[in-house]
N, C-alpha and C. Protein backbone atom coordinates (compact mmCIF):
# COMPACT_ATOMS: atom_id res chain seq x y z
N MET A 1 134.80 -65.67 115.70
CA MET A 1 134.13 -66.42 114.63
C MET A 1 134.59 -65.97 113.28
N LYS A 2 134.78 -64.63 113.12
CA LYS A 2 135.25 -64.08 111.85
C LYS A 2 136.59 -64.67 111.47
N LEU A 3 137.44 -64.77 112.49
CA LEU A 3 138.80 -65.29 112.24
C LEU A 3 138.75 -66.75 111.76
N LEU A 4 137.90 -67.56 112.37
CA LEU A 4 137.78 -68.94 111.96
C LEU A 4 137.20 -69.01 110.55
N LEU A 5 136.18 -68.22 110.26
CA LEU A 5 135.60 -68.24 108.89
C LEU A 5 136.55 -67.77 107.83
N ASN A 6 137.35 -66.73 108.19
CA ASN A 6 138.39 -66.23 107.21
C ASN A 6 139.42 -67.29 107.01
N LEU A 7 139.87 -67.99 108.05
CA LEU A 7 140.84 -69.08 107.84
C LEU A 7 140.35 -70.19 106.98
N CYS A 8 139.03 -70.57 107.23
CA CYS A 8 138.40 -71.61 106.38
C CYS A 8 138.27 -71.13 104.95
N TRP A 9 137.96 -69.81 104.81
CA TRP A 9 137.84 -69.18 103.45
C TRP A 9 139.14 -69.27 102.69
N ILE A 10 140.24 -68.91 103.38
CA ILE A 10 141.54 -68.91 102.70
C ILE A 10 141.90 -70.33 102.29
N ILE A 11 141.65 -71.33 103.11
CA ILE A 11 142.04 -72.71 102.80
C ILE A 11 141.08 -73.41 101.93
N LEU A 12 139.79 -73.34 102.25
CA LEU A 12 138.80 -74.15 101.54
C LEU A 12 137.98 -73.39 100.47
N GLY A 13 137.79 -72.09 100.73
CA GLY A 13 136.97 -71.33 99.85
C GLY A 13 137.66 -70.73 98.68
N GLY A 14 138.97 -70.90 98.59
CA GLY A 14 139.70 -70.33 97.46
C GLY A 14 140.16 -68.89 97.64
N GLY A 15 140.08 -68.39 98.87
CA GLY A 15 140.44 -67.00 99.13
C GLY A 15 141.87 -66.68 98.82
N PHE A 16 142.80 -67.62 99.11
CA PHE A 16 144.20 -67.35 98.84
C PHE A 16 144.45 -67.23 97.36
N VAL A 17 143.88 -68.14 96.56
CA VAL A 17 144.09 -68.15 95.12
C VAL A 17 143.45 -66.85 94.48
N ILE A 18 142.25 -66.52 94.97
CA ILE A 18 141.62 -65.34 94.46
C ILE A 18 142.43 -64.08 94.73
N ALA A 19 142.91 -63.93 95.97
CA ALA A 19 143.71 -62.79 96.34
C ALA A 19 144.99 -62.72 95.47
N LEU A 20 145.67 -63.86 95.29
CA LEU A 20 146.87 -63.85 94.44
C LEU A 20 146.55 -63.46 92.99
N GLU A 21 145.42 -63.92 92.47
CA GLU A 21 145.05 -63.55 91.11
C GLU A 21 144.85 -62.05 90.99
N TYR A 22 144.07 -61.50 91.94
CA TYR A 22 143.83 -60.06 91.94
C TYR A 22 145.14 -59.25 92.14
N LEU A 23 145.99 -59.71 93.02
CA LEU A 23 147.27 -59.01 93.20
C LEU A 23 148.10 -59.03 91.95
N PHE A 24 148.21 -60.18 91.32
CA PHE A 24 149.02 -60.32 90.09
C PHE A 24 148.49 -59.37 88.98
N VAL A 25 147.16 -59.44 88.77
CA VAL A 25 146.54 -58.57 87.73
C VAL A 25 146.72 -57.09 88.13
N GLY A 26 146.59 -56.76 89.36
CA GLY A 26 146.79 -55.39 89.80
C GLY A 26 148.19 -54.90 89.56
N LEU A 27 149.20 -55.76 89.83
CA LEU A 27 150.57 -55.39 89.56
C LEU A 27 150.84 -55.22 88.05
N VAL A 28 150.27 -56.09 87.22
CA VAL A 28 150.40 -55.94 85.78
C VAL A 28 149.75 -54.66 85.31
N LEU A 29 148.57 -54.35 85.79
CA LEU A 29 147.90 -53.17 85.38
C LEU A 29 148.62 -51.84 85.80
N CYS A 30 149.30 -51.93 86.96
CA CYS A 30 150.04 -50.77 87.43
C CYS A 30 151.33 -50.50 86.69
N LEU A 31 151.70 -51.39 85.81
CA LEU A 31 152.90 -51.16 84.99
C LEU A 31 152.72 -50.02 84.02
N THR A 32 151.47 -49.81 83.63
CA THR A 32 151.20 -48.63 82.73
C THR A 32 150.50 -47.54 83.50
N ILE A 33 150.69 -46.33 83.09
CA ILE A 33 150.03 -45.19 83.72
C ILE A 33 148.50 -45.29 83.57
N VAL A 34 148.05 -45.71 82.38
CA VAL A 34 146.62 -45.79 82.14
C VAL A 34 145.98 -46.88 83.07
N GLY A 35 146.69 -47.92 83.33
CA GLY A 35 146.14 -48.99 84.10
C GLY A 35 146.15 -48.85 85.58
N ILE A 36 146.79 -47.80 86.11
CA ILE A 36 146.92 -47.66 87.53
C ILE A 36 145.54 -47.60 88.28
N PRO A 37 144.55 -46.81 87.80
CA PRO A 37 143.30 -46.82 88.50
C PRO A 37 142.64 -48.18 88.57
N PHE A 38 142.84 -48.97 87.53
CA PHE A 38 142.26 -50.31 87.49
C PHE A 38 143.05 -51.25 88.40
N GLY A 39 144.36 -51.05 88.46
CA GLY A 39 145.16 -51.86 89.34
C GLY A 39 144.85 -51.58 90.84
N VAL A 40 144.53 -50.34 91.16
CA VAL A 40 144.16 -50.02 92.55
C VAL A 40 142.88 -50.74 92.92
N GLN A 41 141.93 -50.81 91.97
CA GLN A 41 140.68 -51.53 92.23
C GLN A 41 140.93 -53.04 92.37
N CYS A 42 141.91 -53.57 91.67
CA CYS A 42 142.30 -55.01 91.83
C CYS A 42 142.84 -55.25 93.23
N PHE A 43 143.61 -54.26 93.73
CA PHE A 43 144.16 -54.42 95.10
C PHE A 43 143.01 -54.36 96.11
N LYS A 44 142.00 -53.58 95.89
CA LYS A 44 140.86 -53.53 96.79
C LYS A 44 140.14 -54.88 96.75
N LEU A 45 139.97 -55.46 95.56
CA LEU A 45 139.35 -56.79 95.42
C LEU A 45 140.19 -57.85 96.07
N ALA A 46 141.50 -57.72 95.98
CA ALA A 46 142.39 -58.70 96.57
C ALA A 46 142.24 -58.68 98.09
N GLY A 47 142.16 -57.50 98.65
CA GLY A 47 142.07 -57.43 100.13
C GLY A 47 140.72 -58.02 100.59
N LEU A 48 139.64 -57.75 99.86
CA LEU A 48 138.37 -58.33 100.24
C LEU A 48 138.36 -59.82 99.93
N GLY A 49 139.06 -60.24 98.85
CA GLY A 49 139.04 -61.66 98.51
C GLY A 49 139.82 -62.48 99.49
N LEU A 50 140.82 -61.90 100.15
CA LEU A 50 141.59 -62.66 101.12
C LEU A 50 140.83 -62.90 102.42
N VAL A 51 140.25 -61.87 102.98
CA VAL A 51 139.50 -61.95 104.24
C VAL A 51 138.16 -61.26 104.12
N PRO A 52 137.16 -61.87 103.51
CA PRO A 52 135.87 -61.14 103.29
C PRO A 52 134.94 -61.13 104.50
N PHE A 53 135.09 -62.07 105.42
CA PHE A 53 134.19 -62.09 106.57
C PHE A 53 134.45 -60.95 107.52
N GLY A 54 133.42 -60.23 107.86
CA GLY A 54 133.55 -59.09 108.77
C GLY A 54 133.78 -57.79 108.03
N LYS A 55 133.59 -57.78 106.68
CA LYS A 55 133.71 -56.59 105.91
C LYS A 55 132.49 -56.42 105.03
N ASP A 56 132.13 -55.17 104.81
CA ASP A 56 130.99 -54.78 103.94
C ASP A 56 131.46 -53.85 102.85
N ILE A 57 130.62 -53.68 101.87
CA ILE A 57 130.91 -52.80 100.76
C ILE A 57 129.91 -51.68 100.84
N ARG A 58 130.38 -50.44 100.85
CA ARG A 58 129.56 -49.26 100.94
C ARG A 58 129.83 -48.39 99.69
N VAL A 59 128.76 -47.78 99.18
CA VAL A 59 128.94 -46.76 98.18
C VAL A 59 129.32 -45.47 98.88
N ASP A 60 130.46 -44.88 98.41
CA ASP A 60 130.99 -43.73 99.13
C ASP A 60 131.27 -42.62 98.11
N PRO A 61 130.51 -41.52 98.13
CA PRO A 61 130.76 -40.46 97.13
C PRO A 61 132.06 -39.74 97.35
N THR A 62 132.74 -39.98 98.45
CA THR A 62 134.05 -39.36 98.67
C THR A 62 135.21 -40.24 98.31
N ALA A 63 134.87 -41.52 97.93
CA ALA A 63 135.92 -42.49 97.64
C ALA A 63 136.57 -42.12 96.31
N PRO A 64 137.87 -42.47 96.15
CA PRO A 64 138.53 -42.23 94.89
C PRO A 64 137.78 -43.01 93.78
N GLY A 65 137.54 -42.31 92.70
CA GLY A 65 136.88 -42.99 91.57
C GLY A 65 135.39 -42.82 91.58
N SER A 66 134.85 -41.89 92.40
CA SER A 66 133.43 -41.68 92.41
C SER A 66 133.11 -40.49 91.52
N GLY A 67 131.86 -40.28 91.25
CA GLY A 67 131.49 -39.20 90.37
C GLY A 67 131.49 -39.63 88.92
N LEU A 68 131.57 -38.63 88.01
CA LEU A 68 131.45 -38.88 86.56
C LEU A 68 132.66 -39.71 86.07
N ALA A 69 133.86 -39.37 86.55
CA ALA A 69 135.02 -40.13 86.08
C ALA A 69 134.93 -41.55 86.59
N GLY A 70 134.46 -41.80 87.77
CA GLY A 70 134.31 -43.14 88.27
C GLY A 70 133.26 -43.91 87.48
N GLY A 71 132.19 -43.22 87.08
CA GLY A 71 131.19 -43.85 86.25
C GLY A 71 131.72 -44.31 84.90
N LEU A 72 132.54 -43.44 84.29
CA LEU A 72 133.15 -43.83 83.06
C LEU A 72 134.14 -44.98 83.20
N LEU A 73 134.93 -44.93 84.30
CA LEU A 73 135.84 -46.02 84.62
C LEU A 73 135.13 -47.31 84.90
N ASN A 74 133.98 -47.22 85.60
CA ASN A 74 133.16 -48.44 85.85
C ASN A 74 132.68 -49.04 84.57
N ILE A 75 132.26 -48.21 83.57
CA ILE A 75 131.80 -48.73 82.29
C ILE A 75 132.93 -49.47 81.58
N ILE A 76 134.10 -48.86 81.54
CA ILE A 76 135.29 -49.52 80.93
C ILE A 76 135.59 -50.81 81.61
N TRP A 77 135.67 -50.76 82.98
CA TRP A 77 136.00 -51.92 83.76
C TRP A 77 134.97 -53.04 83.55
N CYS A 78 133.65 -52.68 83.53
CA CYS A 78 132.63 -53.72 83.39
C CYS A 78 132.68 -54.37 82.00
N LEU A 79 132.95 -53.60 81.00
CA LEU A 79 133.00 -54.15 79.64
C LEU A 79 134.26 -54.99 79.44
N CYS A 80 135.37 -54.58 79.98
CA CYS A 80 136.64 -55.33 79.74
C CYS A 80 136.81 -56.50 80.64
N ALA A 81 136.48 -56.38 81.94
CA ALA A 81 136.76 -57.44 82.87
C ALA A 81 135.64 -57.73 83.88
N GLY A 82 134.99 -56.70 84.28
CA GLY A 82 134.06 -56.80 85.45
C GLY A 82 132.96 -57.81 85.24
N LEU A 83 132.44 -57.90 84.00
CA LEU A 83 131.32 -58.84 83.74
C LEU A 83 131.80 -60.26 83.89
N TRP A 84 133.01 -60.54 83.36
CA TRP A 84 133.52 -61.92 83.45
C TRP A 84 133.89 -62.30 84.89
N ILE A 85 134.49 -61.35 85.61
CA ILE A 85 134.77 -61.65 86.99
C ILE A 85 133.48 -61.86 87.81
N PHE A 86 132.54 -61.01 87.52
CA PHE A 86 131.19 -61.14 88.19
C PHE A 86 130.58 -62.51 87.94
N LEU A 87 130.61 -62.96 86.67
CA LEU A 87 130.06 -64.24 86.34
C LEU A 87 130.80 -65.41 86.96
N SER A 88 132.15 -65.25 87.06
CA SER A 88 132.90 -66.34 87.71
C SER A 88 132.57 -66.42 89.19
N HIS A 89 132.44 -65.28 89.87
CA HIS A 89 132.08 -65.32 91.29
C HIS A 89 130.64 -65.89 91.50
N VAL A 90 129.72 -65.56 90.60
CA VAL A 90 128.39 -66.07 90.71
C VAL A 90 128.39 -67.61 90.48
N ALA A 91 129.17 -68.06 89.50
CA ALA A 91 129.26 -69.52 89.27
C ALA A 91 129.89 -70.24 90.44
N LEU A 92 130.91 -69.65 91.04
CA LEU A 92 131.46 -70.26 92.26
C LEU A 92 130.48 -70.27 93.42
N ALA A 93 129.69 -69.16 93.51
CA ALA A 93 128.70 -69.12 94.59
C ALA A 93 127.64 -70.16 94.38
N LEU A 94 127.17 -70.37 93.17
CA LEU A 94 126.17 -71.42 92.94
C LEU A 94 126.71 -72.78 93.25
N GLY A 95 127.97 -73.05 92.88
CA GLY A 95 128.56 -74.32 93.20
C GLY A 95 128.70 -74.56 94.68
N LEU A 96 129.06 -73.55 95.40
CA LEU A 96 129.24 -73.69 96.88
C LEU A 96 127.89 -73.72 97.60
N ALA A 97 126.88 -73.11 97.06
CA ALA A 97 125.59 -73.05 97.73
C ALA A 97 124.88 -74.40 97.71
N VAL A 98 125.39 -75.33 96.95
CA VAL A 98 124.76 -76.70 96.91
C VAL A 98 124.89 -77.36 98.25
N THR A 99 125.98 -77.09 98.97
CA THR A 99 126.19 -77.78 100.25
C THR A 99 125.87 -76.77 101.38
N ILE A 100 125.49 -77.29 102.51
CA ILE A 100 125.17 -76.45 103.67
C ILE A 100 126.41 -75.78 104.16
N ILE A 101 127.53 -76.47 104.18
CA ILE A 101 128.78 -75.92 104.66
C ILE A 101 129.29 -74.80 103.74
N GLY A 102 128.95 -74.89 102.44
CA GLY A 102 129.40 -73.91 101.47
C GLY A 102 128.62 -72.65 101.43
N ILE A 103 127.46 -72.60 102.08
CA ILE A 103 126.62 -71.40 101.95
C ILE A 103 127.31 -70.14 102.40
N PRO A 104 127.97 -70.09 103.55
CA PRO A 104 128.67 -68.86 103.93
C PRO A 104 129.72 -68.46 102.94
N PHE A 105 130.41 -69.39 102.28
CA PHE A 105 131.37 -69.06 101.29
C PHE A 105 130.69 -68.53 100.01
N ALA A 106 129.52 -69.08 99.70
CA ALA A 106 128.78 -68.61 98.57
C ALA A 106 128.34 -67.17 98.72
N LEU A 107 127.93 -66.83 99.92
CA LEU A 107 127.52 -65.43 100.19
C LEU A 107 128.70 -64.49 100.05
N GLN A 108 129.89 -64.94 100.43
CA GLN A 108 131.06 -64.11 100.24
C GLN A 108 131.46 -63.91 98.75
N HIS A 109 131.24 -64.95 97.95
CA HIS A 109 131.48 -64.84 96.58
C HIS A 109 130.49 -63.85 95.91
N LEU A 110 129.26 -63.84 96.40
CA LEU A 110 128.25 -62.87 95.90
C LEU A 110 128.68 -61.45 96.31
N LYS A 111 129.22 -61.28 97.51
CA LYS A 111 129.72 -59.99 97.94
C LYS A 111 130.90 -59.51 97.02
N LEU A 112 131.80 -60.44 96.70
CA LEU A 112 132.88 -60.11 95.80
C LEU A 112 132.35 -59.82 94.38
N ALA A 113 131.28 -60.54 94.02
CA ALA A 113 130.72 -60.34 92.64
C ALA A 113 130.15 -58.91 92.46
N THR A 114 129.51 -58.40 93.53
CA THR A 114 128.96 -57.06 93.42
C THR A 114 130.05 -55.99 93.32
N LEU A 115 131.15 -56.20 94.04
CA LEU A 115 132.27 -55.28 93.99
C LEU A 115 133.03 -55.48 92.62
N ALA A 116 133.12 -56.69 92.15
CA ALA A 116 133.88 -56.90 90.93
C ALA A 116 133.18 -56.36 89.71
N LEU A 117 131.85 -56.20 89.80
CA LEU A 117 131.13 -55.69 88.61
C LEU A 117 131.42 -54.18 88.45
N VAL A 118 131.27 -53.43 89.46
CA VAL A 118 131.54 -51.99 89.37
C VAL A 118 132.26 -51.53 90.63
N PRO A 119 133.59 -51.52 90.69
CA PRO A 119 134.32 -51.27 91.90
C PRO A 119 134.60 -49.79 92.21
N PHE A 120 134.53 -48.92 91.20
CA PHE A 120 134.83 -47.51 91.42
C PHE A 120 133.75 -46.88 92.20
N GLY A 121 134.09 -46.05 93.18
CA GLY A 121 133.15 -45.30 94.00
C GLY A 121 132.60 -46.10 95.20
N LYS A 122 133.23 -47.24 95.46
CA LYS A 122 132.82 -48.13 96.59
C LYS A 122 133.99 -48.23 97.52
N ARG A 123 133.71 -48.49 98.76
CA ARG A 123 134.74 -48.65 99.81
C ARG A 123 134.41 -49.87 100.60
N VAL A 124 135.47 -50.58 100.98
CA VAL A 124 135.34 -51.76 101.86
C VAL A 124 135.52 -51.27 103.27
N VAL A 125 134.51 -51.58 104.12
CA VAL A 125 134.51 -51.08 105.50
C VAL A 125 134.24 -52.25 106.42
N PRO A 126 134.70 -52.18 107.67
CA PRO A 126 134.36 -53.22 108.65
C PRO A 126 132.89 -53.32 108.85
N ALA A 127 132.40 -54.58 109.02
CA ALA A 127 130.98 -54.81 109.24
C ALA A 127 130.59 -54.36 110.62
N ARG A 128 129.35 -53.98 110.75
CA ARG A 128 128.87 -53.50 112.04
C ARG A 128 128.41 -54.62 112.85
């Protein structure tokens, strides 16, 4: 079932476009040394954006970017990009939630929105 939902997500839910956007931005951010931590978070978002069904987000104190440094990086991320990405995912979720078929896709956009707001110190894990 997860495979079918992920295929529908890639084709109908915009997963392919979202993943490409995150990959492109991650590559651009990795061109500078200062942007590498933010680029890595974009790659995490790209992976979840491509196939979100069957994956969960967990707060992990051992994840790279956790602790005080991760908190500061989350503040910078949220002010520069995270808030806008969060709002775009919420807007897409609201648009998809209007139809019954779009509700599972809307839930995945909300999952992406929570990770896009503050990605440092979180890990994407297989769902139980």
